[in-house]
Amino acid sequence: MKAQLLKFALLAVGVLGLFPARAGAVDYIIDPDHSRVEFRIRHLITKVTGHFQEFEGAFTYNAHDVTTSTFKAVINAISVTTNHPKR
């Protein structure tokens, strides 16, 4: 689980369209209009991809002491969808 959270945090920093909020230890806020929280699971012989429609998060990066960097995300589990109405 920690490895998955770390992968998510790194993905958020590298890809998800984050915006800096101030200098020093830099704060970023996940931009939901340019971000996506997705997952893929195995179902029988295929894989099913889904995503969460409601989420928010923030990341603080301190280049001087990365051990004080933080990441927080809140995902509304009810907003899950696989684009398949019966699922």
PDB file of N, CA and C in Angstrom:
ATOM      1  N   MET A   1       0.815  -1.193   0.000  1.00  0.00           N
ATOM      2  CA  MET A   1       0.000   0.000   0.000  1.00  0.00           C
ATOM      3  C   MET A   1       0.860   1.259   0.000  1.00  0.00           C
ATOM      4  N   LYS A   2       1.967   1.263   0.786  1.00  0.00           N
ATOM      5  CA  LYS A   2       2.849   2.423   0.816  1.00  0.00           C
ATOM      6  C   LYS A   2       3.487   2.642  -0.553  1.00  0.00           C
ATOM      7  N   ALA A   3       3.838   1.554  -1.228  1.00  0.00           N
ATOM      8  CA  ALA A   3       4.437   1.681  -2.562  1.00  0.00           C
ATOM      9  C   ALA A   3       3.446   2.292  -3.538  1.00  0.00           C
ATOM     10  N   GLN A   4       2.179   1.916  -3.451  1.00  0.00           N
ATOM     11  CA  GLN A   4       1.161   2.483  -4.331  1.00  0.00           C
ATOM     12  C   GLN A   4       0.952   3.960  -4.035  1.00  0.00           C
ATOM     13  N   LEU A   5       0.961   4.348  -2.765  1.00  0.00           N
ATOM     14  CA  LEU A   5       0.794   5.752  -2.392  1.00  0.00           C
ATOM     15  C   LEU A   5       1.979   6.566  -2.895  1.00  0.00           C
ATOM     16  N   LEU A   6       3.192   6.008  -2.784  1.00  0.00           N
ATOM     17  CA  LEU A   6       4.374   6.703  -3.276  1.00  0.00           C
ATOM     18  C   LEU A   6       4.301   6.878  -4.783  1.00  0.00           C
ATOM     19  N   LYS A   7       3.875   5.843  -5.508  1.00  0.00           N
ATOM     20  CA  LYS A   7       3.723   5.953  -6.958  1.00  0.00           C
ATOM     21  C   LYS A   7       2.715   7.039  -7.308  1.00  0.00           C
ATOM     22  N   PHE A   8       1.606   7.088  -6.567  1.00  0.00           N
ATOM     23  CA  PHE A   8       0.582   8.105  -6.805  1.00  0.00           C
ATOM     24  C   PHE A   8       1.140   9.495  -6.551  1.00  0.00           C
ATOM     25  N   ALA A   9       1.879   9.655  -5.466  1.00  0.00           N
ATOM     26  CA  ALA A   9       2.450  10.961  -5.141  1.00  0.00           C
ATOM     27  C   ALA A   9       3.433  11.406  -6.216  1.00  0.00           C
ATOM     28  N   LEU A  10       4.285  10.498  -6.664  1.00  0.00           N
ATOM     29  CA  LEU A  10       5.239  10.843  -7.710  1.00  0.00           C
ATOM     30  C   LEU A  10       4.532  11.172  -9.011  1.00  0.00           C
ATOM     31  N   LEU A  11       3.485  10.440  -9.318  1.00  0.00           N
ATOM     32  CA  LEU A  11       2.704  10.722 -10.515  1.00  0.00           C
ATOM     33  C   LEU A  11       2.060  12.101 -10.408  1.00  0.00           C
ATOM     34  N   ALA A  12       1.540  12.410  -9.243  1.00  0.00           N
ATOM     35  CA  ALA A  12       0.906  13.716  -9.045  1.00  0.00           C
ATOM     36  C   ALA A  12       1.910  14.839  -9.254  1.00  0.00           C
ATOM     37  N   VAL A  13       3.110  14.660  -8.749  1.00  0.00           N
ATOM     38  CA  VAL A  13       4.124  15.694  -8.879  1.00  0.00           C
ATOM     39  C   VAL A  13       4.573  15.824 -10.331  1.00  0.00           C
ATOM     40  N   GLY A  14       4.729  14.708 -11.021  1.00  0.00           N
ATOM     41  CA  GLY A  14       5.288  14.733 -12.358  1.00  0.00           C
ATOM     42  C   GLY A  14       4.312  14.972 -13.471  1.00  0.00           C
ATOM     43  N   VAL A  15       3.027  14.642 -13.286  1.00  0.00           N
ATOM     44  CA  VAL A  15       2.119  14.625 -14.421  1.00  0.00           C
ATOM     45  C   VAL A  15       0.830  15.398 -14.223  1.00  0.00           C
ATOM     46  N   LEU A  16       0.300  15.464 -13.077  1.00  0.00           N
ATOM     47  CA  LEU A  16      -1.098  15.818 -12.897  1.00  0.00           C
ATOM     48  C   LEU A  16      -1.482  17.298 -12.944  1.00  0.00           C
ATOM     49  N   GLY A  17      -0.666  18.158 -13.435  1.00  0.00           N
ATOM     50  CA  GLY A  17      -1.079  19.549 -13.566  1.00  0.00           C
ATOM     51  C   GLY A  17      -1.200  20.250 -12.228  1.00  0.00           C
ATOM     52  N   LEU A  18      -0.115  20.305 -11.484  1.00  0.00           N
ATOM     53  CA  LEU A  18      -0.134  20.934 -10.169  1.00  0.00           C
ATOM     54  C   LEU A  18       0.269  22.393 -10.285  1.00  0.00           C
ATOM     55  N   PHE A  19      -0.262  23.219  -9.396  1.00  0.00           N
ATOM     56  CA  PHE A  19       0.056  24.641  -9.427  1.00  0.00           C
ATOM     57  C   PHE A  19       0.736  25.047  -8.123  1.00  0.00           C
ATOM     58  N   PRO A  20       1.892  25.741  -8.205  1.00  0.00           N
ATOM     59  CA  PRO A  20       2.570  26.184  -6.984  1.00  0.00           C
ATOM     60  C   PRO A  20       1.788  27.277  -6.270  1.00  0.00           C
ATOM     61  N   ALA A  21       1.839  27.267  -4.942  1.00  0.00           N
ATOM     62  CA  ALA A  21       1.111  28.255  -4.164  1.00  0.00           C
ATOM     63  C   ALA A  21       2.027  29.301  -3.520  1.00  0.00           C
ATOM     64  N   ARG A  22       3.286  28.952  -3.149  1.00  0.00           N
ATOM     65  CA  ARG A  22       4.199  29.933  -2.555  1.00  0.00           C
ATOM     66  C   ARG A  22       5.635  29.412  -2.607  1.00  0.00           C
ATOM     67  N   ALA A  23       6.613  30.272  -2.295  1.00  0.00           N
ATOM     68  CA  ALA A  23       8.030  29.905  -2.355  1.00  0.00           C
ATOM     69  C   ALA A  23       8.483  29.245  -1.052  1.00  0.00           C
ATOM     70  N   GLY A  24       9.759  28.797  -1.001  1.00  0.00           N
ATOM     71  CA  GLY A  24      10.307  28.099   0.162  1.00  0.00           C
ATOM     72  C   GLY A  24       9.966  26.631   0.050  1.00  0.00           C
ATOM     73  N   ALA A  25       9.359  26.076   1.072  1.00  0.00           N
ATOM     74  CA  ALA A  25       8.745  24.767   0.932  1.00  0.00           C
ATOM     75  C   ALA A  25       7.541  25.027   0.041  1.00  0.00           C
ATOM     76  N   VAL A  26       7.528  24.435  -1.137  1.00  0.00           N
ATOM     77  CA  VAL A  26       6.537  24.799  -2.144  1.00  0.00           C
ATOM     78  C   VAL A  26       5.285  23.942  -1.999  1.00  0.00           C
ATOM     79  N   ASP A  27       4.140  24.608  -1.946  1.00  0.00           N
ATOM     80  CA  ASP A  27       2.849  23.935  -1.865  1.00  0.00           C
ATOM     81  C   ASP A  27       2.249  23.823  -3.259  1.00  0.00           C
ATOM     82  N   TYR A  28       1.661  22.676  -3.538  1.00  0.00           N
ATOM     83  CA  TYR A  28       0.966  22.448  -4.796  1.00  0.00           C
ATOM     84  C   TYR A  28      -0.440  21.977  -4.482  1.00  0.00           C
ATOM     85  N   ILE A  29      -1.368  22.306  -5.344  1.00  0.00           N
ATOM     86  CA  ILE A  29      -2.744  21.846  -5.213  1.00  0.00           C
ATOM     87  C   ILE A  29      -3.097  21.076  -6.477  1.00  0.00           C
ATOM     88  N   ILE A  30      -3.680  19.906  -6.324  1.00  0.00           N
ATOM     89  CA  ILE A  30      -4.091  19.124  -7.488  1.00  0.00           C
ATOM     90  C   ILE A  30      -5.228  19.851  -8.189  1.00  0.00           C
ATOM     91  N   ASP A  31      -5.077  20.062  -9.466  1.00  0.00           N
ATOM     92  CA  ASP A  31      -6.097  20.713 -10.277  1.00  0.00           C
ATOM     93  C   ASP A  31      -7.009  19.626 -10.846  1.00  0.00           C
ATOM     94  N   PRO A  32      -8.232  19.472 -10.330  1.00  0.00           N
ATOM     95  CA  PRO A  32      -9.099  18.377 -10.783  1.00  0.00           C
ATOM     96  C   PRO A  32      -9.509  18.484 -12.250  1.00  0.00           C
ATOM     97  N   ASP A  33      -9.420  19.677 -12.830  1.00  0.00           N
ATOM     98  CA  ASP A  33      -9.758  19.820 -14.247  1.00  0.00           C
ATOM     99  C   ASP A  33      -8.671  19.268 -15.164  1.00  0.00           C
ATOM    100  N   HIS A  34      -7.463  19.106 -14.630  1.00  0.00           N
ATOM    101  CA  HIS A  34      -6.349  18.603 -15.422  1.00  0.00           C
ATOM    102  C   HIS A  34      -5.724  17.352 -14.807  1.00  0.00           C
ATOM    103  N   SER A  35      -6.459  16.683 -13.941  1.00  0.00           N
ATOM    104  CA  SER A  35      -5.962  15.506 -13.239  1.00  0.00           C
ATOM    105  C   SER A  35      -7.002  14.397 -13.280  1.00  0.00           C
ATOM    106  N   ARG A  36      -6.559  13.204 -12.948  1.00  0.00           N
ATOM    107  CA  ARG A  36      -7.463  12.056 -12.947  1.00  0.00           C
ATOM    108  C   ARG A  36      -6.931  11.020 -11.967  1.00  0.00           C
ATOM    109  N   VAL A  37      -7.822  10.431 -11.178  1.00  0.00           N
ATOM    110  CA  VAL A  37      -7.452   9.337 -10.283  1.00  0.00           C
ATOM    111  C   VAL A  37      -8.048   8.078 -10.888  1.00  0.00           C
ATOM    112  N   GLU A  38      -7.183   7.244 -11.450  1.00  0.00           N
ATOM    113  CA  GLU A  38      -7.614   6.036 -12.161  1.00  0.00           C
ATOM    114  C   GLU A  38      -7.115   4.782 -11.464  1.00  0.00           C
ATOM    115  N   PHE A  39      -7.728   3.673 -11.815  1.00  0.00           N
ATOM    116  CA  PHE A  39      -7.265   2.364 -11.356  1.00  0.00           C
ATOM    117  C   PHE A  39      -7.546   1.346 -12.441  1.00  0.00           C
ATOM    118  N   ARG A  40      -6.871   0.233 -12.348  1.00  0.00           N
ATOM    119  CA  ARG A  40      -7.090  -0.884 -13.268  1.00  0.00           C
ATOM    120  C   ARG A  40      -7.077  -2.168 -12.449  1.00  0.00           C
ATOM    121  N   ILE A  41      -8.100  -2.983 -12.635  1.00  0.00           N
ATOM    122  CA  ILE A  41      -8.177  -4.257 -11.922  1.00  0.00           C
ATOM    123  C   ILE A  41      -8.359  -5.387 -12.928  1.00  0.00           C
ATOM    124  N   ARG A  42      -7.943  -6.556 -12.524  1.00  0.00           N
ATOM    125  CA  ARG A  42      -8.128  -7.729 -13.365  1.00  0.00           C
ATOM    126  C   ARG A  42      -9.520  -8.302 -13.093  1.00  0.00           C
ATOM    127  N   HIS A  43     -10.246  -8.611 -14.160  1.00  0.00           N
ATOM    128  CA  HIS A  43     -11.570  -9.217 -14.059  1.00  0.00           C
ATOM    129  C   HIS A  43     -11.611 -10.380 -15.040  1.00  0.00           C
ATOM    130  N   LEU A  44     -11.615 -11.587 -14.492  1.00  0.00           N
ATOM    131  CA  LEU A  44     -11.554 -12.805 -15.299  1.00  0.00           C
ATOM    132  C   LEU A  44     -10.323 -12.745 -16.189  1.00  0.00           C
ATOM    133  N   ILE A  45     -10.490 -12.658 -17.498  1.00  0.00           N
ATOM    134  CA  ILE A  45      -9.330 -12.659 -18.392  1.00  0.00           C
ATOM    135  C   ILE A  45      -9.013 -11.270 -18.946  1.00  0.00           C
ATOM    136  N   THR A  46      -9.749 -10.266 -18.513  1.00  0.00           N
ATOM    137  CA  THR A  46      -9.524  -8.902 -19.010  1.00  0.00           C
ATOM    138  C   THR A  46      -9.145  -7.980 -17.858  1.00  0.00           C
ATOM    139  N   LYS A  47      -8.917  -6.741 -18.180  1.00  0.00           N
ATOM    140  CA  LYS A  47      -8.669  -5.719 -17.165  1.00  0.00           C
ATOM    141  C   LYS A  47      -9.753  -4.653 -17.284  1.00  0.00           C
ATOM    142  N   VAL A  48     -10.211  -4.163 -16.143  1.00  0.00           N
ATOM    143  CA  VAL A  48     -11.235  -3.130 -16.089  1.00  0.00           C
ATOM    144  C   VAL A  48     -10.582  -1.856 -15.578  1.00  0.00           C
ATOM    145  N   THR A  49     -10.781  -0.772 -16.294  1.00  0.00           N
ATOM    146  CA  THR A  49     -10.260   0.529 -15.883  1.00  0.00           C
ATOM    147  C   THR A  49     -11.409   1.379 -15.369  1.00  0.00           C
ATOM    148  N   GLY A  50     -11.159   2.088 -14.301  1.00  0.00           N
ATOM    149  CA  GLY A  50     -12.155   2.985 -13.741  1.00  0.00           C
ATOM    150  C   GLY A  50     -11.483   4.227 -13.198  1.00  0.00           C
ATOM    151  N   HIS A  51     -12.281   5.138 -12.712  1.00  0.00           N
ATOM    152  CA  HIS A  51     -11.729   6.348 -12.117  1.00  0.00           C
ATOM    153  C   HIS A  51     -12.698   6.926 -11.092  1.00  0.00           C
ATOM    154  N   PHE A  52     -12.190   7.857 -10.308  1.00  0.00           N
ATOM    155  CA  PHE A  52     -12.994   8.568  -9.325  1.00  0.00           C
ATOM    156  C   PHE A  52     -13.263   9.961  -9.862  1.00  0.00           C
ATOM    157  N   GLN A  53     -14.504  10.396  -9.795  1.00  0.00           N
ATOM    158  CA  GLN A  53     -14.882  11.687 -10.345  1.00  0.00           C
ATOM    159  C   GLN A  53     -14.684  12.829  -9.356  1.00  0.00           C
ATOM    160  N   GLU A  54     -14.641  12.530  -8.068  1.00  0.00           N
ATOM    161  CA  GLU A  54     -14.491  13.565  -7.041  1.00  0.00           C
ATOM    162  C   GLU A  54     -13.266  13.284  -6.185  1.00  0.00           C
ATOM    163  N   PHE A  55     -12.322  14.200  -6.231  1.00  0.00           N
ATOM    164  CA  PHE A  55     -11.100  14.061  -5.438  1.00  0.00           C
ATOM    165  C   PHE A  55     -10.460  15.430  -5.272  1.00  0.00           C
ATOM    166  N   GLU A  56      -9.588  15.517  -4.306  1.00  0.00           N
ATOM    167  CA  GLU A  56      -8.801  16.733  -4.086  1.00  0.00           C
ATOM    168  C   GLU A  56      -7.512  16.323  -3.409  1.00  0.00           C
ATOM    169  N   GLY A  57      -6.536  17.172  -3.481  1.00  0.00           N
ATOM    170  CA  GLY A  57      -5.279  16.841  -2.843  1.00  0.00           C
ATOM    171  C   GLY A  57      -4.297  17.982  -2.888  1.00  0.00           C
ATOM    172  N   ALA A  58      -3.233  17.838  -2.109  1.00  0.00           N
ATOM    173  CA  ALA A  58      -2.188  18.845  -2.040  1.00  0.00           C
ATOM    174  C   ALA A  58      -0.864  18.157  -1.746  1.00  0.00           C
ATOM    175  N   PHE A  59       0.210  18.823  -2.135  1.00  0.00           N
ATOM    176  CA  PHE A  59       1.547  18.293  -1.967  1.00  0.00           C
ATOM    177  C   PHE A  59       2.451  19.442  -1.568  1.00  0.00           C
ATOM    178  N   THR A  60       3.257  19.240  -0.544  1.00  0.00           N
ATOM    179  CA  THR A  60       4.260  20.225  -0.148  1.00  0.00           C
ATOM    180  C   THR A  60       5.627  19.618  -0.375  1.00  0.00           C
ATOM    181  N   TYR A  61       6.453  20.310  -1.156  1.00  0.00           N
ATOM    182  CA  TYR A  61       7.799  19.815  -1.459  1.00  0.00           C
ATOM    183  C   TYR A  61       8.824  20.768  -0.875  1.00  0.00           C
ATOM    184  N   ASN A  62       9.702  20.219  -0.061  1.00  0.00           N
ATOM    185  CA  ASN A  62      10.781  20.991   0.544  1.00  0.00           C
ATOM    186  C   ASN A  62      12.099  20.456  -0.008  1.00  0.00           C
ATOM    187  N   ALA A  63      12.704  21.183  -0.941  1.00  0.00           N
ATOM    188  CA  ALA A  63      13.949  20.747  -1.577  1.00  0.00           C
ATOM    189  C   ALA A  63      15.111  20.711  -0.585  1.00  0.00           C
ATOM    190  N   HIS A  64      15.051  21.511   0.472  1.00  0.00           N
ATOM    191  CA  HIS A  64      16.128  21.556   1.455  1.00  0.00           C
ATOM    192  C   HIS A  64      16.089  20.366   2.403  1.00  0.00           C
ATOM    193  N   ASP A  65      14.912  19.801   2.623  1.00  0.00           N
ATOM    194  CA  ASP A  65      14.765  18.633   3.498  1.00  0.00           C
ATOM    195  C   ASP A  65      13.556  17.837   3.014  1.00  0.00           C
ATOM    196  N   VAL A  66      13.786  16.930   2.072  1.00  0.00           N
ATOM    197  CA  VAL A  66      12.673  16.194   1.458  1.00  0.00           C
ATOM    198  C   VAL A  66      11.920  15.326   2.459  1.00  0.00           C
ATOM    199  N   THR A  67      12.532  15.025   3.591  1.00  0.00           N
ATOM    200  CA  THR A  67      11.835  14.208   4.592  1.00  0.00           C
ATOM    201  C   THR A  67      10.659  14.953   5.214  1.00  0.00           C
ATOM    202  N   THR A  68      10.616  16.262   5.055  1.00  0.00           N
ATOM    203  CA  THR A  68       9.489  17.037   5.578  1.00  0.00           C
ATOM    204  C   THR A  68       8.422  17.282   4.509  1.00  0.00           C
ATOM    205  N   SER A  69       8.647  16.793   3.292  1.00  0.00           N
ATOM    206  CA  SER A  69       7.648  16.927   2.230  1.00  0.00           C
ATOM    207  C   SER A  69       6.431  16.076   2.577  1.00  0.00           C
ATOM    208  N   THR A  70       5.257  16.553   2.177  1.00  0.00           N
ATOM    209  CA  THR A  70       4.024  15.835   2.503  1.00  0.00           C
ATOM    210  C   THR A  70       3.116  15.735   1.286  1.00  0.00           C
ATOM    211  N   PHE A  71       2.225  14.770   1.334  1.00  0.00           N
ATOM    212  CA  PHE A  71       1.231  14.580   0.287  1.00  0.00           C
ATOM    213  C   PHE A  71      -0.070  14.162   0.950  1.00  0.00           C
ATOM    214  N   LYS A  72      -1.173  14.789   0.562  1.00  0.00           N
ATOM    215  CA  LYS A  72      -2.472  14.431   1.110  1.00  0.00           C
ATOM    216  C   LYS A  72      -3.488  14.415  -0.023  1.00  0.00           C
ATOM    217  N   ALA A  73      -4.280  13.359  -0.072  1.00  0.00           N
ATOM    218  CA  ALA A  73      -5.345  13.259  -1.068  1.00  0.00           C
ATOM    219  C   ALA A  73      -6.606  12.754  -0.389  1.00  0.00           C
ATOM    220  N   VAL A  74      -7.734  13.283  -0.837  1.00  0.00           N
ATOM    221  CA  VAL A  74      -9.041  12.833  -0.374  1.00  0.00           C
ATOM    222  C   VAL A  74      -9.822  12.429  -1.613  1.00  0.00           C
ATOM    223  N   ILE A  75     -10.276  11.171  -1.619  1.00  0.00           N
ATOM    224  CA  ILE A  75     -11.009  10.633  -2.759  1.00  0.00           C
ATOM    225  C   ILE A  75     -12.384  10.204  -2.278  1.00  0.00           C
ATOM    226  N   ASN A  76     -13.430  10.704  -2.920  1.00  0.00           N
ATOM    227  CA  ASN A  76     -14.793  10.329  -2.577  1.00  0.00           C
ATOM    228  C   ASN A  76     -15.085   8.967  -3.215  1.00  0.00           C
ATOM    229  N   ALA A  77     -15.131   7.925  -2.395  1.00  0.00           N
ATOM    230  CA  ALA A  77     -15.316   6.567  -2.900  1.00  0.00           C
ATOM    231  C   ALA A  77     -16.632   6.384  -3.647  1.00  0.00           C
ATOM    232  N   ILE A  78     -17.649   7.139  -3.290  1.00  0.00           N
ATOM    233  CA  ILE A  78     -18.946   7.025  -3.957  1.00  0.00           C
ATOM    234  C   ILE A  78     -18.869   7.504  -5.404  1.00  0.00           C
ATOM    235  N   SER A  79     -17.863   8.295  -5.738  1.00  0.00           N
ATOM    236  CA  SER A  79     -17.762   8.841  -7.089  1.00  0.00           C
ATOM    237  C   SER A  79     -17.069   7.898  -8.065  1.00  0.00           C
ATOM    238  N   VAL A  80     -16.853   6.656  -7.671  1.00  0.00           N
ATOM    239  CA  VAL A  80     -16.184   5.690  -8.536  1.00  0.00           C
ATOM    240  C   VAL A  80     -17.051   5.344  -9.748  1.00  0.00           C
ATOM    241  N   THR A  81     -16.403   5.172 -10.883  1.00  0.00           N
ATOM    242  CA  THR A  81     -17.110   4.753 -12.089  1.00  0.00           C
ATOM    243  C   THR A  81     -16.172   3.926 -12.966  1.00  0.00           C
ATOM    244  N   THR A  82     -16.759   2.958 -13.649  1.00  0.00           N
ATOM    245  CA  THR A  82     -16.033   2.188 -14.641  1.00  0.00           C
ATOM    246  C   THR A  82     -16.689   2.362 -16.007  1.00  0.00           C
ATOM    247  N   ASN A  83     -17.598   3.333 -16.111  1.00  0.00           N
ATOM    248  CA  ASN A  83     -18.346   3.614 -17.343  1.00  0.00           C
ATOM    249  C   ASN A  83     -19.137   2.410 -17.822  1.00  0.00           C
ATOM    250  N   HIS A  84     -19.606   1.627 -16.866  1.00  0.00           N
ATOM    251  CA  HIS A  84     -20.439   0.464 -17.155  1.00  0.00           C
ATOM    252  C   HIS A  84     -21.584   0.496 -16.151  1.00  0.00           C
ATOM    253  N   PRO A  85     -22.781   0.897 -16.573  1.00  0.00           N
ATOM    254  CA  PRO A  85     -23.903   1.116 -15.637  1.00  0.00           C
ATOM    255  C   PRO A  85     -24.245  -0.072 -14.743  1.00  0.00           C
ATOM    256  N   LYS A  86     -24.085  -1.300 -15.206  1.00  0.00           N
ATOM    257  CA  LYS A  86     -24.445  -2.469 -14.387  1.00  0.00           C
ATOM    258  C   LYS A  86     -23.399  -2.793 -13.335  1.00  0.00           C
ATOM    259  N   ARG A  87     -22.217  -2.264 -13.444  1.00  0.00           N
ATOM    260  CA  ARG A  87     -21.146  -2.582 -12.503  1.00  0.00           C
ATOM    261  C   ARG A  87     -21.265  -1.726 -11.277  1.00  0.00           C
TER     262      ARG A  87
END
